[in-house]
Amino acid sequence: MTDEASNRPIRTCVGCRTQDIRDQLVRVVRGPSAEGEPPAVRLDETRTAPGRGAWIHPDQQCIAAALKRGGFSRAFKGRVDITGLEAQLRARVNPSQGTEPPLEAGRTPMEIR
């Protein structure tokens, strides 16, 4: 860690368990739960939502590790519903996934006039 990074807030990724500056991670927050249901976890875009939060690197390896090792349950100290969170995180990692058709190598989309 450099001197510049030591002056910034440091957080631990729930996927890879390494520490990094807050700007390199995204925050997820545990929401309210219905009776008998585990609380849902959602992406906190503003990083200011109330409630217990956890931090994760926005990359496939950290997301997969957190899901495989139960990183979200550990961070939120109990069973949580992460079904909606998975889609939110994967969309953040691959923003164009599913929005545009794949192109053949070396091709560009045709314009319609």
PDB file of N, CA and C in Angstrom:
ATOM      1  N   MET A   1       0.843  -1.171   0.000  1.00  0.00           N
ATOM      2  CA  MET A   1       0.000   0.000   0.000  1.00  0.00           C
ATOM      3  C   MET A   1       0.892   1.239   0.000  1.00  0.00           C
ATOM      4  N   THR A   2       0.571   2.178  -0.847  1.00  0.00           N
ATOM      5  CA  THR A   2       1.366   3.398  -0.955  1.00  0.00           C
ATOM      6  C   THR A   2       0.920   4.418   0.082  1.00  0.00           C
ATOM      7  N   ASP A   3       1.705   5.487   0.225  1.00  0.00           N
ATOM      8  CA  ASP A   3       1.336   6.553   1.150  1.00  0.00           C
ATOM      9  C   ASP A   3       0.018   7.198   0.745  1.00  0.00           C
ATOM     10  N   GLU A   4      -0.197   7.318  -0.572  1.00  0.00           N
ATOM     11  CA  GLU A   4      -1.437   7.909  -1.058  1.00  0.00           C
ATOM     12  C   GLU A   4      -2.632   7.055  -0.638  1.00  0.00           C
ATOM     13  N   ALA A   5      -2.511   5.735  -0.764  1.00  0.00           N
ATOM     14  CA  ALA A   5      -3.605   4.840  -0.401  1.00  0.00           C
ATOM     15  C   ALA A   5      -3.824   4.794   1.102  1.00  0.00           C
ATOM     16  N   SER A   6      -2.786   5.022   1.881  1.00  0.00           N
ATOM     17  CA  SER A   6      -2.944   4.946   3.333  1.00  0.00           C
ATOM     18  C   SER A   6      -3.784   6.092   3.883  1.00  0.00           C
ATOM     19  N   ASN A   7      -3.977   7.153   3.117  1.00  0.00           N
ATOM     20  CA  ASN A   7      -4.808   8.273   3.551  1.00  0.00           C
ATOM     21  C   ASN A   7      -6.268   8.107   3.149  1.00  0.00           C
ATOM     22  N   ARG A   8      -6.585   7.054   2.422  1.00  0.00           N
ATOM     23  CA  ARG A   8      -7.943   6.804   1.959  1.00  0.00           C
ATOM     24  C   ARG A   8      -8.569   5.675   2.776  1.00  0.00           C
ATOM     25  N   PRO A   9      -9.911   5.618   2.809  1.00  0.00           N
ATOM     26  CA  PRO A   9     -10.566   4.520   3.529  1.00  0.00           C
ATOM     27  C   PRO A   9     -10.246   3.169   2.885  1.00  0.00           C
ATOM     28  N   ILE A  10      -9.914   2.193   3.709  1.00  0.00           N
ATOM     29  CA  ILE A  10      -9.577   0.849   3.254  1.00  0.00           C
ATOM     30  C   ILE A  10     -10.726  -0.089   3.615  1.00  0.00           C
ATOM     31  N   ARG A  11     -11.098  -0.975   2.682  1.00  0.00           N
ATOM     32  CA  ARG A  11     -12.155  -1.958   2.909  1.00  0.00           C
ATOM     33  C   ARG A  11     -11.644  -3.332   2.485  1.00  0.00           C
ATOM     34  N   THR A  12     -12.271  -4.391   3.006  1.00  0.00           N
ATOM     35  CA  THR A  12     -11.906  -5.762   2.667  1.00  0.00           C
ATOM     36  C   THR A  12     -12.957  -6.345   1.734  1.00  0.00           C
ATOM     37  N   CYS A  13     -12.518  -6.940   0.637  1.00  0.00           N
ATOM     38  CA  CYS A  13     -13.403  -7.571  -0.338  1.00  0.00           C
ATOM     39  C   CYS A  13     -13.933  -8.890   0.241  1.00  0.00           C
ATOM     40  N   VAL A  14     -15.251  -9.122   0.152  1.00  0.00           N
ATOM     41  CA  VAL A  14     -15.825 -10.365   0.663  1.00  0.00           C
ATOM     42  C   VAL A  14     -15.532 -11.549  -0.249  1.00  0.00           C
ATOM     43  N   GLY A  15     -15.032 -11.290  -1.449  1.00  0.00           N
ATOM     44  CA  GLY A  15     -14.691 -12.369  -2.368  1.00  0.00           C
ATOM     45  C   GLY A  15     -13.280 -12.870  -2.179  1.00  0.00           C
ATOM     46  N   CYS A  16     -12.303 -12.006  -2.402  1.00  0.00           N
ATOM     47  CA  CYS A  16     -10.893 -12.411  -2.342  1.00  0.00           C
ATOM     48  C   CYS A  16     -10.257 -12.161  -0.981  1.00  0.00           C
ATOM     49  N   ARG A  17     -10.956 -11.438  -0.095  1.00  0.00           N
ATOM     50  CA  ARG A  17     -10.505 -11.147   1.270  1.00  0.00           C
ATOM     51  C   ARG A  17      -9.259 -10.272   1.329  1.00  0.00           C
ATOM     52  N   THR A  18      -8.966  -9.541   0.249  1.00  0.00           N
ATOM     53  CA  THR A  18      -7.840  -8.609   0.275  1.00  0.00           C
ATOM     54  C   THR A  18      -8.361  -7.213   0.582  1.00  0.00           C
ATOM     55  N   GLN A  19      -7.486  -6.391   1.118  1.00  0.00           N
ATOM     56  CA  GLN A  19      -7.859  -5.017   1.426  1.00  0.00           C
ATOM     57  C   GLN A  19      -7.497  -4.119   0.256  1.00  0.00           C
ATOM     58  N   ASP A  20      -8.348  -3.132   0.009  1.00  0.00           N
ATOM     59  CA  ASP A  20      -8.127  -2.195  -1.085  1.00  0.00           C
ATOM     60  C   ASP A  20      -8.784  -0.869  -0.708  1.00  0.00           C
ATOM     61  N   ILE A  21      -8.437   0.174  -1.470  1.00  0.00           N
ATOM     62  CA  ILE A  21      -9.079   1.460  -1.210  1.00  0.00           C
ATOM     63  C   ILE A  21     -10.555   1.373  -1.614  1.00  0.00           C
ATOM     64  N   ARG A  22     -11.366   2.137  -0.945  1.00  0.00           N
ATOM     65  CA  ARG A  22     -12.811   2.084  -1.137  1.00  0.00           C
ATOM     66  C   ARG A  22     -13.221   2.364  -2.577  1.00  0.00           C
ATOM     67  N   ASP A  23     -12.471   3.202  -3.280  1.00  0.00           N
ATOM     68  CA  ASP A  23     -12.813   3.560  -4.659  1.00  0.00           C
ATOM     69  C   ASP A  23     -12.729   2.376  -5.618  1.00  0.00           C
ATOM     70  N   GLN A  24     -11.998   1.327  -5.251  1.00  0.00           N
ATOM     71  CA  GLN A  24     -11.821   0.162  -6.114  1.00  0.00           C
ATOM     72  C   GLN A  24     -12.888  -0.910  -5.886  1.00  0.00           C
ATOM     73  N   LEU A  25     -13.748  -0.725  -4.895  1.00  0.00           N
ATOM     74  CA  LEU A  25     -14.749  -1.718  -4.522  1.00  0.00           C
ATOM     75  C   LEU A  25     -16.156  -1.157  -4.697  1.00  0.00           C
ATOM     76  N   VAL A  26     -17.139  -2.041  -4.786  1.00  0.00           N
ATOM     77  CA  VAL A  26     -18.541  -1.629  -4.785  1.00  0.00           C
ATOM     78  C   VAL A  26     -19.165  -2.104  -3.476  1.00  0.00           C
ATOM     79  N   ARG A  27     -20.143  -1.361  -3.002  1.00  0.00           N
ATOM     80  CA  ARG A  27     -20.781  -1.691  -1.724  1.00  0.00           C
ATOM     81  C   ARG A  27     -22.104  -2.388  -1.978  1.00  0.00           C
ATOM     82  N   VAL A  28     -22.361  -3.417  -1.202  1.00  0.00           N
ATOM     83  CA  VAL A  28     -23.657  -4.080  -1.201  1.00  0.00           C
ATOM     84  C   VAL A  28     -24.233  -3.928   0.200  1.00  0.00           C
ATOM     85  N   VAL A  29     -25.547  -3.890   0.295  1.00  0.00           N
ATOM     86  CA  VAL A  29     -26.199  -3.635   1.576  1.00  0.00           C
ATOM     87  C   VAL A  29     -27.336  -4.634   1.786  1.00  0.00           C
ATOM     88  N   ARG A  30     -27.522  -5.020   3.040  1.00  0.00           N
ATOM     89  CA  ARG A  30     -28.606  -5.926   3.410  1.00  0.00           C
ATOM     90  C   ARG A  30     -29.861  -5.100   3.616  1.00  0.00           C
ATOM     91  N   GLY A  31     -30.924  -5.500   2.934  1.00  0.00           N
ATOM     92  CA  GLY A  31     -32.188  -4.784   3.056  1.00  0.00           C
ATOM     93  C   GLY A  31     -33.080  -5.406   4.113  1.00  0.00           C
ATOM     94  N   PRO A  32     -34.274  -4.863   4.280  1.00  0.00           N
ATOM     95  CA  PRO A  32     -35.211  -5.431   5.248  1.00  0.00           C
ATOM     96  C   PRO A  32     -35.712  -6.794   4.774  1.00  0.00           C
ATOM     97  N   SER A  33     -36.142  -7.620   5.715  1.00  0.00           N
ATOM     98  CA  SER A  33     -36.610  -8.956   5.354  1.00  0.00           C
ATOM     99  C   SER A  33     -38.079  -9.119   5.698  1.00  0.00           C
ATOM    100  N   ALA A  34     -38.747  -9.939   4.898  1.00  0.00           N
ATOM    101  CA  ALA A  34     -40.128 -10.302   5.201  1.00  0.00           C
ATOM    102  C   ALA A  34     -40.096 -11.387   6.280  1.00  0.00           C
ATOM    103  N   GLU A  35     -41.184 -11.547   6.965  1.00  0.00           N
ATOM    104  CA  GLU A  35     -41.230 -12.519   8.053  1.00  0.00           C
ATOM    105  C   GLU A  35     -40.957 -13.928   7.527  1.00  0.00           C
ATOM    106  N   GLY A  36     -39.971 -14.577   8.103  1.00  0.00           N
ATOM    107  CA  GLY A  36     -39.621 -15.938   7.718  1.00  0.00           C
ATOM    108  C   GLY A  36     -38.706 -16.039   6.513  1.00  0.00           C
ATOM    109  N   GLU A  37     -38.417 -14.956   5.866  1.00  0.00           N
ATOM    110  CA  GLU A  37     -37.558 -14.945   4.682  1.00  0.00           C
ATOM    111  C   GLU A  37     -36.214 -14.323   5.026  1.00  0.00           C
ATOM    112  N   PRO A  38     -35.140 -14.778   4.361  1.00  0.00           N
ATOM    113  CA  PRO A  38     -33.844 -14.122   4.591  1.00  0.00           C
ATOM    114  C   PRO A  38     -33.841 -12.732   3.963  1.00  0.00           C
ATOM    115  N   PRO A  39     -33.108 -11.798   4.535  1.00  0.00           N
ATOM    116  CA  PRO A  39     -33.062 -10.445   3.959  1.00  0.00           C
ATOM    117  C   PRO A  39     -32.385 -10.455   2.586  1.00  0.00           C
ATOM    118  N   ALA A  40     -32.863  -9.602   1.704  1.00  0.00           N
ATOM    119  CA  ALA A  40     -32.284  -9.491   0.366  1.00  0.00           C
ATOM    120  C   ALA A  40     -31.079  -8.560   0.408  1.00  0.00           C
ATOM    121  N   VAL A  41     -30.094  -8.877  -0.399  1.00  0.00           N
ATOM    122  CA  VAL A  41     -28.895  -8.049  -0.520  1.00  0.00           C
ATOM    123  C   VAL A  41     -28.953  -7.371  -1.879  1.00  0.00           C
ATOM    124  N   ARG A  42     -28.641  -6.069  -1.907  1.00  0.00           N
ATOM    125  CA  ARG A  42     -28.687  -5.323  -3.171  1.00  0.00           C
ATOM    126  C   ARG A  42     -27.459  -4.435  -3.295  1.00  0.00           C
ATOM    127  N   LEU A  43     -27.191  -4.019  -4.508  1.00  0.00           N
ATOM    128  CA  LEU A  43     -26.072  -3.129  -4.798  1.00  0.00           C
ATOM    129  C   LEU A  43     -26.393  -1.728  -4.281  1.00  0.00           C
ATOM    130  N   ASP A  44     -25.424  -1.105  -3.633  1.00  0.00           N
ATOM    131  CA  ASP A  44     -25.584   0.256  -3.108  1.00  0.00           C
ATOM    132  C   ASP A  44     -24.762   1.191  -3.993  1.00  0.00           C
ATOM    133  N   GLU A  45     -25.392   1.712  -5.033  1.00  0.00           N
ATOM    134  CA  GLU A  45     -24.695   2.563  -6.004  1.00  0.00           C
ATOM    135  C   GLU A  45     -24.129   3.830  -5.375  1.00  0.00           C
ATOM    136  N   THR A  46     -24.838   4.398  -4.404  1.00  0.00           N
ATOM    137  CA  THR A  46     -24.399   5.658  -3.803  1.00  0.00           C
ATOM    138  C   THR A  46     -23.409   5.461  -2.661  1.00  0.00           C
ATOM    139  N   ARG A  47     -23.266   4.227  -2.201  1.00  0.00           N
ATOM    140  CA  ARG A  47     -22.384   3.881  -1.072  1.00  0.00           C
ATOM    141  C   ARG A  47     -22.797   4.569   0.224  1.00  0.00           C
ATOM    142  N   THR A  48     -24.055   4.970   0.327  1.00  0.00           N
ATOM    143  CA  THR A  48     -24.516   5.673   1.525  1.00  0.00           C
ATOM    144  C   THR A  48     -25.805   5.102   2.092  1.00  0.00           C
ATOM    145  N   ALA A  49     -26.296   3.996   1.555  1.00  0.00           N
ATOM    146  CA  ALA A  49     -27.558   3.429   2.031  1.00  0.00           C
ATOM    147  C   ALA A  49     -27.421   2.981   3.484  1.00  0.00           C
ATOM    148  N   PRO A  50     -28.482   3.143   4.262  1.00  0.00           N
ATOM    149  CA  PRO A  50     -28.405   2.704   5.653  1.00  0.00           C
ATOM    150  C   PRO A  50     -28.407   1.182   5.739  1.00  0.00           C
ATOM    151  N   GLY A  51     -27.898   0.676   6.814  1.00  0.00           N
ATOM    152  CA  GLY A  51     -27.884  -0.767   7.033  1.00  0.00           C
ATOM    153  C   GLY A  51     -26.489  -1.333   6.927  1.00  0.00           C
ATOM    154  N   ARG A  52     -26.394  -2.601   7.258  1.00  0.00           N
ATOM    155  CA  ARG A  52     -25.109  -3.278   7.237  1.00  0.00           C
ATOM    156  C   ARG A  52     -24.636  -3.434   5.797  1.00  0.00           C
ATOM    157  N   GLY A  53     -23.397  -3.086   5.542  1.00  0.00           N
ATOM    158  CA  GLY A  53     -22.845  -3.157   4.197  1.00  0.00           C
ATOM    159  C   GLY A  53     -21.651  -4.078   4.114  1.00  0.00           C
ATOM    160  N   ALA A  54     -21.330  -4.471   2.895  1.00  0.00           N
ATOM    161  CA  ALA A  54     -20.140  -5.266   2.610  1.00  0.00           C
ATOM    162  C   ALA A  54     -19.563  -4.739   1.305  1.00  0.00           C
ATOM    163  N   TRP A  55     -18.302  -5.045   1.060  1.00  0.00           N
ATOM    164  CA  TRP A  55     -17.603  -4.512  -0.108  1.00  0.00           C
ATOM    165  C   TRP A  55     -17.042  -5.649  -0.942  1.00  0.00           C
ATOM    166  N   ILE A  56     -17.052  -5.472  -2.272  1.00  0.00           N
ATOM    167  CA  ILE A  56     -16.539  -6.497  -3.181  1.00  0.00           C
ATOM    168  C   ILE A  56     -15.930  -5.824  -4.405  1.00  0.00           C
ATOM    169  N   HIS A  57     -14.852  -6.435  -4.939  1.00  0.00           N
ATOM    170  CA  HIS A  57     -14.281  -5.954  -6.199  1.00  0.00           C
ATOM    171  C   HIS A  57     -15.268  -6.265  -7.325  1.00  0.00           C
ATOM    172  N   PRO A  58     -15.465  -5.364  -8.265  1.00  0.00           N
ATOM    173  CA  PRO A  58     -16.396  -5.620  -9.367  1.00  0.00           C
ATOM    174  C   PRO A  58     -15.752  -6.442 -10.480  1.00  0.00           C
ATOM    175  N   ASP A  59     -15.319  -7.669 -10.164  1.00  0.00           N
ATOM    176  CA  ASP A  59     -14.784  -8.562 -11.195  1.00  0.00           C
ATOM    177  C   ASP A  59     -15.298  -9.980 -10.978  1.00  0.00           C
ATOM    178  N   GLN A  60     -15.267 -10.776 -12.031  1.00  0.00           N
ATOM    179  CA  GLN A  60     -15.844 -12.122 -12.013  1.00  0.00           C
ATOM    180  C   GLN A  60     -15.230 -13.026 -10.954  1.00  0.00           C
ATOM    181  N   GLN A  61     -13.906 -12.951 -10.759  1.00  0.00           N
ATOM    182  CA  GLN A  61     -13.242 -13.842  -9.814  1.00  0.00           C
ATOM    183  C   GLN A  61     -13.720 -13.588  -8.386  1.00  0.00           C
ATOM    184  N   CYS A  62     -13.826 -12.349  -7.996  1.00  0.00           N
ATOM    185  CA  CYS A  62     -14.263 -12.019  -6.637  1.00  0.00           C
ATOM    186  C   CYS A  62     -15.733 -12.375  -6.428  1.00  0.00           C
ATOM    187  N   ILE A  63     -16.554 -12.133  -7.429  1.00  0.00           N
ATOM    188  CA  ILE A  63     -17.972 -12.484  -7.320  1.00  0.00           C
ATOM    189  C   ILE A  63     -18.121 -13.988  -7.159  1.00  0.00           C
ATOM    190  N   ALA A  64     -17.417 -14.756  -8.002  1.00  0.00           N
ATOM    191  CA  ALA A  64     -17.491 -16.218  -7.921  1.00  0.00           C
ATOM    192  C   ALA A  64     -16.987 -16.727  -6.574  1.00  0.00           C
ATOM    193  N   ALA A  65     -15.890 -16.156  -6.083  1.00  0.00           N
ATOM    194  CA  ALA A  65     -15.339 -16.584  -4.793  1.00  0.00           C
ATOM    195  C   ALA A  65     -16.304 -16.274  -3.655  1.00  0.00           C
ATOM    196  N   ALA A  66     -16.926 -15.113  -3.682  1.00  0.00           N
ATOM    197  CA  ALA A  66     -17.877 -14.750  -2.626  1.00  0.00           C
ATOM    198  C   ALA A  66     -19.086 -15.678  -2.636  1.00  0.00           C
ATOM    199  N   LEU A  67     -19.557 -16.035  -3.818  1.00  0.00           N
ATOM    200  CA  LEU A  67     -20.703 -16.932  -3.914  1.00  0.00           C
ATOM    201  C   LEU A  67     -20.334 -18.341  -3.473  1.00  0.00           C
ATOM    202  N   LYS A  68     -19.167 -18.806  -3.874  1.00  0.00           N
ATOM    203  CA  LYS A  68     -18.731 -20.169  -3.557  1.00  0.00           C
ATOM    204  C   LYS A  68     -18.430 -20.340  -2.068  1.00  0.00           C
ATOM    205  N   ARG A  69     -17.775 -19.374  -1.469  1.00  0.00           N
ATOM    206  CA  ARG A  69     -17.323 -19.480  -0.078  1.00  0.00           C
ATOM    207  C   ARG A  69     -18.311 -18.923   0.946  1.00  0.00           C
ATOM    208  N   GLY A  70     -19.431 -18.409   0.487  1.00  0.00           N
ATOM    209  CA  GLY A  70     -20.403 -17.851   1.427  1.00  0.00           C
ATOM    210  C   GLY A  70     -19.967 -16.520   2.012  1.00  0.00           C
ATOM    211  N   GLY A  71     -19.276 -15.727   1.228  1.00  0.00           N
ATOM    212  CA  GLY A  71     -18.763 -14.446   1.703  1.00  0.00           C
ATOM    213  C   GLY A  71     -19.848 -13.474   2.128  1.00  0.00           C
ATOM    214  N   PHE A  72     -20.988 -13.500   1.448  1.00  0.00           N
ATOM    215  CA  PHE A  72     -22.063 -12.572   1.803  1.00  0.00           C
ATOM    216  C   PHE A  72     -22.728 -12.984   3.115  1.00  0.00           C
ATOM    217  N   SER A  73     -22.940 -14.280   3.308  1.00  0.00           N
ATOM    218  CA  SER A  73     -23.517 -14.748   4.576  1.00  0.00           C
ATOM    219  C   SER A  73     -22.593 -14.428   5.740  1.00  0.00           C
ATOM    220  N   ARG A  74     -21.306 -14.571   5.529  1.00  0.00           N
ATOM    221  CA  ARG A  74     -20.327 -14.254   6.577  1.00  0.00           C
ATOM    222  C   ARG A  74     -20.332 -12.753   6.881  1.00  0.00           C
ATOM    223  N   ALA A  75     -20.343 -11.938   5.848  1.00  0.00           N
ATOM    224  CA  ALA A  75     -20.299 -10.486   6.044  1.00  0.00           C
ATOM    225  C   ALA A  75     -21.564  -9.961   6.723  1.00  0.00           C
ATOM    226  N   PHE A  76     -22.697 -10.557   6.384  1.00  0.00           N
ATOM    227  CA  PHE A  76     -23.958 -10.089   6.948  1.00  0.00           C
ATOM    228  C   PHE A  76     -24.397 -10.891   8.171  1.00  0.00           C
ATOM    229  N   LYS A  77     -23.537 -11.781   8.617  1.00  0.00           N
ATOM    230  CA  LYS A  77     -23.747 -12.546   9.858  1.00  0.00           C
ATOM    231  C   LYS A  77     -25.062 -13.303   9.864  1.00  0.00           C
ATOM    232  N   GLY A  78     -25.322 -14.006   8.779  1.00  0.00           N
ATOM    233  CA  GLY A  78     -26.539 -14.807   8.701  1.00  0.00           C
ATOM    234  C   GLY A  78     -26.907 -15.102   7.264  1.00  0.00           C
ATOM    235  N   ARG A  79     -27.961 -15.874   7.107  1.00  0.00           N
ATOM    236  CA  ARG A  79     -28.436 -16.262   5.787  1.00  0.00           C
ATOM    237  C   ARG A  79     -29.042 -15.049   5.081  1.00  0.00           C
ATOM    238  N   VAL A  80     -28.684 -14.859   3.805  1.00  0.00           N
ATOM    239  CA  VAL A  80     -29.208 -13.738   3.015  1.00  0.00           C
ATOM    240  C   VAL A  80     -29.625 -14.230   1.639  1.00  0.00           C
ATOM    241  N   ASP A  81     -30.517 -13.495   1.001  1.00  0.00           N
ATOM    242  CA  ASP A  81     -30.980 -13.798  -0.354  1.00  0.00           C
ATOM    243  C   ASP A  81     -30.158 -12.969  -1.338  1.00  0.00           C
ATOM    244  N   ILE A  82     -29.352 -13.639  -2.161  1.00  0.00           N
ATOM    245  CA  ILE A  82     -28.470 -12.929  -3.094  1.00  0.00           C
ATOM    246  C   ILE A  82     -28.875 -13.110  -4.550  1.00  0.00           C
ATOM    247  N   THR A  83     -30.082 -13.633  -4.804  1.00  0.00           N
ATOM    248  CA  THR A  83     -30.484 -13.900  -6.186  1.00  0.00           C
ATOM    249  C   THR A  83     -30.489 -12.636  -7.040  1.00  0.00           C
ATOM    250  N   GLY A  84     -31.029 -11.545  -6.559  1.00  0.00           N
ATOM    251  CA  GLY A  84     -31.042 -10.301  -7.327  1.00  0.00           C
ATOM    252  C   GLY A  84     -29.671  -9.657  -7.411  1.00  0.00           C
ATOM    253  N   LEU A  85     -28.876  -9.842  -6.372  1.00  0.00           N
ATOM    254  CA  LEU A  85     -27.544  -9.240  -6.331  1.00  0.00           C
ATOM    255  C   LEU A  85     -26.626  -9.826  -7.393  1.00  0.00           C
ATOM    256  N   GLU A  86     -26.716 -11.131  -7.614  1.00  0.00           N
ATOM    257  CA  GLU A  86     -25.864 -11.770  -8.626  1.00  0.00           C
ATOM    258  C   GLU A  86     -26.027 -11.085  -9.976  1.00  0.00           C
ATOM    259  N   ALA A  87     -27.261 -10.866 -10.387  1.00  0.00           N
ATOM    260  CA  ALA A  87     -27.525 -10.226 -11.679  1.00  0.00           C
ATOM    261  C   ALA A  87     -27.014  -8.789 -11.696  1.00  0.00           C
ATOM    262  N   GLN A  88     -27.193  -8.061 -10.589  1.00  0.00           N
ATOM    263  CA  GLN A  88     -26.716  -6.677 -10.518  1.00  0.00           C
ATOM    264  C   GLN A  88     -25.194  -6.608 -10.641  1.00  0.00           C
ATOM    265  N   LEU A  89     -24.493  -7.492  -9.937  1.00  0.00           N
ATOM    266  CA  LEU A  89     -23.026  -7.471  -9.987  1.00  0.00           C
ATOM    267  C   LEU A  89     -22.509  -7.883 -11.353  1.00  0.00           C
ATOM    268  N   ARG A  90     -23.101  -8.929 -11.932  1.00  0.00           N
ATOM    269  CA  ARG A  90     -22.647  -9.379 -13.250  1.00  0.00           C
ATOM    270  C   ARG A  90     -22.929  -8.319 -14.317  1.00  0.00           C
ATOM    271  N   ALA A  91     -24.032  -7.596 -14.205  1.00  0.00           N
ATOM    272  CA  ALA A  91     -24.329  -6.512 -15.148  1.00  0.00           C
ATOM    273  C   ALA A  91     -23.318  -5.381 -14.991  1.00  0.00           C
ATOM    274  N   ARG A  92     -22.865  -5.155 -13.766  1.00  0.00           N
ATOM    275  CA  ARG A  92     -21.871  -4.099 -13.536  1.00  0.00           C
ATOM    276  C   ARG A  92     -20.517  -4.494 -14.116  1.00  0.00           C
ATOM    277  N   VAL A  93     -20.171  -5.778 -14.032  1.00  0.00           N
ATOM    278  CA  VAL A  93     -18.896  -6.257 -14.574  1.00  0.00           C
ATOM    279  C   VAL A  93     -18.939  -6.257 -16.094  1.00  0.00           C
ATOM    280  N   ASN A  94     -20.057  -6.696 -16.675  1.00  0.00           N
ATOM    281  CA  ASN A  94     -20.234  -6.749 -18.131  1.00  0.00           C
ATOM    282  C   ASN A  94     -21.430  -5.883 -18.507  1.00  0.00           C
ATOM    283  N   PRO A  95     -21.267  -4.559 -18.568  1.00  0.00           N
ATOM    284  CA  PRO A  95     -22.414  -3.682 -18.798  1.00  0.00           C
ATOM    285  C   PRO A  95     -23.130  -3.908 -20.120  1.00  0.00           C
ATOM    286  N   SER A  96     -22.453  -4.393 -21.133  1.00  0.00           N
ATOM    287  CA  SER A  96     -23.107  -4.588 -22.424  1.00  0.00           C
ATOM    288  C   SER A  96     -23.674  -5.986 -22.578  1.00  0.00           C
ATOM    289  N   GLN A  97     -23.517  -6.832 -21.570  1.00  0.00           N
ATOM    290  CA  GLN A  97     -23.988  -8.202 -21.669  1.00  0.00           C
ATOM    291  C   GLN A  97     -25.506  -8.229 -21.824  1.00  0.00           C
ATOM    292  N   GLY A  98     -25.946  -8.817 -22.915  1.00  0.00           N
ATOM    293  CA  GLY A  98     -27.361  -8.964 -23.147  1.00  0.00           C
ATOM    294  C   GLY A  98     -28.034  -7.771 -23.804  1.00  0.00           C
ATOM    295  N   THR A  99     -27.351  -6.674 -23.980  1.00  0.00           N
ATOM    296  CA  THR A  99     -28.004  -5.510 -24.567  1.00  0.00           C
ATOM    297  C   THR A  99     -27.739  -5.383 -26.058  1.00  0.00           C
ATOM    298  N   GLU A 100     -26.668  -5.964 -26.543  1.00  0.00           N
ATOM    299  CA  GLU A 100     -26.338  -5.872 -27.959  1.00  0.00           C
ATOM    300  C   GLU A 100     -26.050  -7.270 -28.487  1.00  0.00           C
ATOM    301  N   PRO A 101     -26.411  -7.544 -29.742  1.00  0.00           N
ATOM    302  CA  PRO A 101     -26.083  -8.853 -30.293  1.00  0.00           C
ATOM    303  C   PRO A 101     -24.576  -8.969 -30.507  1.00  0.00           C
ATOM    304  N   PRO A 102     -24.027 -10.171 -30.355  1.00  0.00           N
ATOM    305  CA  PRO A 102     -22.589 -10.332 -30.574  1.00  0.00           C
ATOM    306  C   PRO A 102     -22.234 -10.104 -32.040  1.00  0.00           C
ATOM    307  N   LEU A 103     -21.050  -9.579 -32.277  1.00  0.00           N
ATOM    308  CA  LEU A 103     -20.584  -9.306 -33.632  1.00  0.00           C
ATOM    309  C   LEU A 103     -19.557 -10.341 -34.034  1.00  0.00           C
ATOM    310  N   GLU A 104     -19.500 -10.632 -35.328  1.00  0.00           N
ATOM    311  CA  GLU A 104     -18.452 -11.507 -35.821  1.00  0.00           C
ATOM    312  C   GLU A 104     -17.136 -10.748 -35.771  1.00  0.00           C
ATOM    313  N   ALA A 105     -16.044 -11.483 -35.669  1.00  0.00           N
ATOM    314  CA  ALA A 105     -14.722 -10.864 -35.574  1.00  0.00           C
ATOM    315  C   ALA A 105     -14.479  -9.946 -36.763  1.00  0.00           C
ATOM    316  N   GLY A 106     -14.065  -8.725 -36.484  1.00  0.00           N
ATOM    317  CA  GLY A 106     -13.734  -7.775 -37.530  1.00  0.00           C
ATOM    318  C   GLY A 106     -14.931  -7.110 -38.175  1.00  0.00           C
ATOM    319  N   ARG A 107     -16.110  -7.363 -37.691  1.00  0.00           N
ATOM    320  CA  ARG A 107     -17.325  -6.796 -38.288  1.00  0.00           C
ATOM    321  C   ARG A 107     -17.834  -5.638 -37.447  1.00  0.00           C
ATOM    322  N   THR A 108     -18.582  -4.766 -38.085  1.00  0.00           N
ATOM    323  CA  THR A 108     -19.246  -3.683 -37.370  1.00  0.00           C
ATOM    324  C   THR A 108     -20.736  -3.787 -37.647  1.00  0.00           C
ATOM    325  N   PRO A 109     -21.573  -3.277 -36.762  1.00  0.00           N
ATOM    326  CA  PRO A 109     -23.013  -3.359 -37.007  1.00  0.00           C
ATOM    327  C   PRO A 109     -23.410  -2.535 -38.229  1.00  0.00           C
ATOM    328  N   MET A 110     -24.402  -3.016 -38.944  1.00  0.00           N
ATOM    329  CA  MET A 110     -24.892  -2.294 -40.113  1.00  0.00           C
ATOM    330  C   MET A 110     -25.801  -1.163 -39.673  1.00  0.00           C
ATOM    331  N   GLU A 111     -25.722  -0.069 -40.386  1.00  0.00           N
ATOM    332  CA  GLU A 111     -26.620   1.042 -40.114  1.00  0.00           C
ATOM    333  C   GLU A 111     -27.839   0.918 -41.010  1.00  0.00           C
ATOM    334  N   ILE A 112     -28.984   1.226 -40.456  1.00  0.00           N
ATOM    335  CA  ILE A 112     -30.216   1.181 -41.229  1.00  0.00           C
ATOM    336  C   ILE A 112     -30.673   2.613 -41.443  1.00  0.00           C
ATOM    337  N   ARG A 113     -30.965   2.943 -42.698  1.00  0.00           N
ATOM    338  CA  ARG A 113     -31.385   4.306 -43.018  1.00  0.00           C
ATOM    339  C   ARG A 113     -32.818   4.341 -43.396  1.00  0.00           C
TER     340      ARG A 113
END
